């Protein structure tokens, strides 16, 4: 997932599950935490990276479904409501088929003076559909574990 506004950008990647397949408590959410890696570039060109296990597999599916509903015009707004507030995303239908997207990622493990990466950008319909396609691929790669 890549979001850019002018010189600032935020790239978010799901790198793995937090625990190995046999780790965590069976039947709990422990086995379904996903690790997000954020790479934030600020307006001055400074690059800050951080990693956090802050998204559940079913939240990834809910994000994907919410953006599909928005893209189809069924709703005008999607706002994430994840268990951990380290990653947040909202998207709103704009003018002429565009979508205003706001994304933030907490940079809790860095020694930088910035504690949260935030990017607001406008995506076209095709760009939003490409993001949804990327998210569909991630959902297939990281299914729920029992």
Protein backbone atom coordinates (compact mmCIF):
# COMPACT_ATOMS: atom_id res chain seq x y z
CA UNK A 1 0.00 0.00 0.00
CA UNK A 2 1.50 3.29 -1.05
CA UNK A 3 0.08 6.73 -0.27
CA UNK A 4 1.64 9.99 -1.43
CA UNK A 5 0.84 13.67 -1.17
CA UNK A 6 3.44 15.98 -2.63
CA UNK A 7 6.80 15.15 -1.09
CA UNK A 8 5.44 13.08 1.81
CA UNK A 9 4.57 9.41 1.43
CA UNK A 10 3.76 6.34 3.47
CA UNK A 11 4.40 2.81 2.26
CA UNK A 12 2.80 0.05 4.33
CA UNK A 13 3.68 -3.60 3.85
CA UNK A 14 2.38 -6.67 5.63
CA UNK A 15 5.54 -8.64 6.24
CA UNK A 16 4.28 -11.68 8.15
CA UNK A 17 2.19 -13.00 10.98
CA UNK A 18 3.44 -11.95 14.42
CA UNK A 19 3.78 -15.56 15.61
CA UNK A 20 4.70 -18.77 13.80
CA UNK A 21 1.83 -21.07 12.78
CA UNK A 22 2.04 -23.02 16.05
CA UNK A 23 2.64 -19.94 18.23
CA UNK A 24 0.19 -18.02 20.37
CA UNK A 25 -2.87 -19.35 22.10
CA UNK A 26 -4.90 -21.76 19.93
CA UNK A 27 -8.35 -20.40 19.07
CA UNK A 28 -7.42 -16.83 20.02
CA UNK A 29 -6.52 -13.77 17.98
CA UNK A 30 -2.84 -14.37 18.90
CA UNK A 31 -2.31 -16.38 15.74
CA UNK A 32 -3.91 -13.76 13.50
CA UNK A 33 -1.88 -10.64 14.23
CA UNK A 34 -0.13 -9.27 11.16
CA UNK A 35 3.10 -7.28 11.27
CA UNK A 36 3.01 -4.00 9.34
CA UNK A 37 6.19 -2.26 8.21
CA UNK A 38 5.82 1.42 7.55
CA UNK A 39 8.24 3.54 5.57
CA UNK A 40 7.45 7.23 5.94
CA UNK A 41 9.11 9.97 3.92
CA UNK A 42 8.42 13.47 5.22
CA UNK A 43 8.39 16.76 3.29
CA UNK A 44 12.14 17.25 3.89
CA UNK A 45 12.99 13.83 2.45
CA UNK A 46 13.74 12.22 5.82
CA UNK A 47 12.89 8.49 5.78
CA UNK A 48 11.61 6.81 8.95
CA UNK A 49 10.86 3.10 9.21
CA UNK A 50 9.00 1.22 11.89
CA UNK A 51 7.32 -2.14 12.32
CA UNK A 52 4.33 -3.08 14.46
CA UNK A 53 2.05 -6.12 14.87
CA UNK A 54 -1.11 -4.03 14.75
CA UNK A 55 -3.60 -5.53 12.30
CA UNK A 56 -5.64 -8.72 12.54
CA UNK A 57 -6.34 -10.92 9.54
CA UNK A 58 -10.09 -10.30 9.78
CA UNK A 59 -9.48 -6.54 10.01
CA UNK A 60 -7.56 -6.76 6.73
CA UNK A 61 -10.62 -8.43 5.16
CA UNK A 62 -12.92 -5.76 6.68
CA UNK A 63 -10.69 -2.99 5.27
CA UNK A 64 -10.81 -4.59 1.83
CA UNK A 65 -14.59 -5.06 1.96
CA UNK A 66 -15.14 -1.49 3.19
CA UNK A 67 -13.12 -0.04 0.33
CA UNK A 68 -15.00 -2.23 -2.17
CA UNK A 69 -18.33 -0.88 -0.86
CA UNK A 70 -16.99 2.68 -1.14
CA UNK A 71 -15.64 2.10 -4.65
CA UNK A 72 -18.99 0.63 -5.77
CA UNK A 73 -20.81 3.76 -4.57
CA UNK A 74 -22.89 1.89 -1.97
CA UNK A 75 -21.48 4.13 0.79
CA UNK A 76 -19.69 7.48 0.70
CA UNK A 77 -17.33 6.87 3.61
CA UNK A 78 -15.13 4.15 5.06
CA UNK A 79 -13.43 4.54 8.45
CA UNK A 80 -11.31 1.81 9.98
CA UNK A 81 -12.03 0.65 13.51
CA UNK A 82 -9.12 -1.68 14.23
CA UNK A 83 -8.44 -3.17 17.68
CA UNK A 84 -5.03 -1.46 17.81
CA UNK A 85 -5.02 2.21 16.77
CA UNK A 86 -1.46 2.06 15.39
CA UNK A 87 -2.78 1.97 11.82
CA UNK A 88 -5.85 3.91 10.71
CA UNK A 89 -7.36 4.51 7.31
CA UNK A 90 -10.38 6.45 6.17
CA UNK A 91 -11.62 7.09 2.66
CA UNK A 92 -14.38 9.33 1.40
CA UNK A 93 -15.97 9.66 -2.01
CA UNK A 94 -15.04 12.95 -3.63
CA UNK A 95 -15.84 14.76 -6.82
CA UNK A 96 -15.72 13.19 -10.28
CA UNK A 97 -14.99 9.64 -9.10
CA UNK A 98 -12.10 10.55 -6.84
CA UNK A 99 -11.56 9.43 -3.24
CA UNK A 100 -9.95 11.36 -0.38
CA UNK A 101 -7.86 8.91 1.65
CA UNK A 102 -6.30 9.61 5.05
CA UNK A 103 -3.87 7.09 6.48
CA UNK A 104 -1.77 7.11 9.64
CA UNK A 105 0.77 4.77 11.17
CA UNK A 106 2.22 5.16 14.66
CA UNK A 107 6.02 5.22 14.74
CA UNK A 108 6.33 3.93 18.31
CA UNK A 109 9.69 2.16 18.04
CA UNK A 110 11.89 4.88 16.59
CA UNK A 111 14.12 7.47 18.17
CA UNK A 112 12.81 10.14 15.81
CA UNK A 113 10.94 13.29 16.87
CA UNK A 114 7.92 12.20 14.80
CA UNK A 115 5.63 9.74 16.56
CA UNK A 116 3.03 9.31 13.82
CA UNK A 117 3.19 9.22 10.03
CA UNK A 118 0.16 10.80 8.39
CA UNK A 119 -0.64 11.19 4.72
CA UNK A 120 -3.78 12.51 3.09
CA UNK A 121 -4.12 11.98 -0.65
CA UNK A 122 -6.62 11.77 -3.47
CA UNK A 123 -6.98 8.51 -5.38
CA UNK A 124 -8.75 8.09 -8.69
CA UNK A 125 -11.20 5.23 -9.20
CA UNK A 126 -8.58 3.09 -10.97
CA UNK A 127 -6.04 3.80 -8.21
CA UNK A 128 -8.54 2.75 -5.52
CA UNK A 129 -9.36 -0.42 -7.48
CA UNK A 130 -5.62 -1.18 -7.72
CA UNK A 131 -5.32 -0.75 -3.93
CA UNK A 132 -8.28 -3.09 -3.45
CA UNK A 133 -6.61 -5.63 -5.75
CA UNK A 134 -3.43 -5.42 -3.66
CA UNK A 135 -5.46 -5.91 -0.48
CA UNK A 136 -7.29 -8.90 -2.01
CA UNK A 137 -3.88 -10.47 -2.66
CA UNK A 138 -2.82 -9.85 0.93
CA UNK A 139 -6.03 -11.42 2.22
CA UNK A 140 -5.25 -14.55 0.20
CA UNK A 141 -1.65 -14.59 1.42
CA UNK A 142 -2.57 -14.11 5.09
CA UNK A 143 -5.75 -16.08 5.84
CA UNK A 144 -7.17 -16.59 9.33
CA UNK A 145 -5.43 -19.19 11.44
CA UNK A 146 -7.31 -21.40 13.87
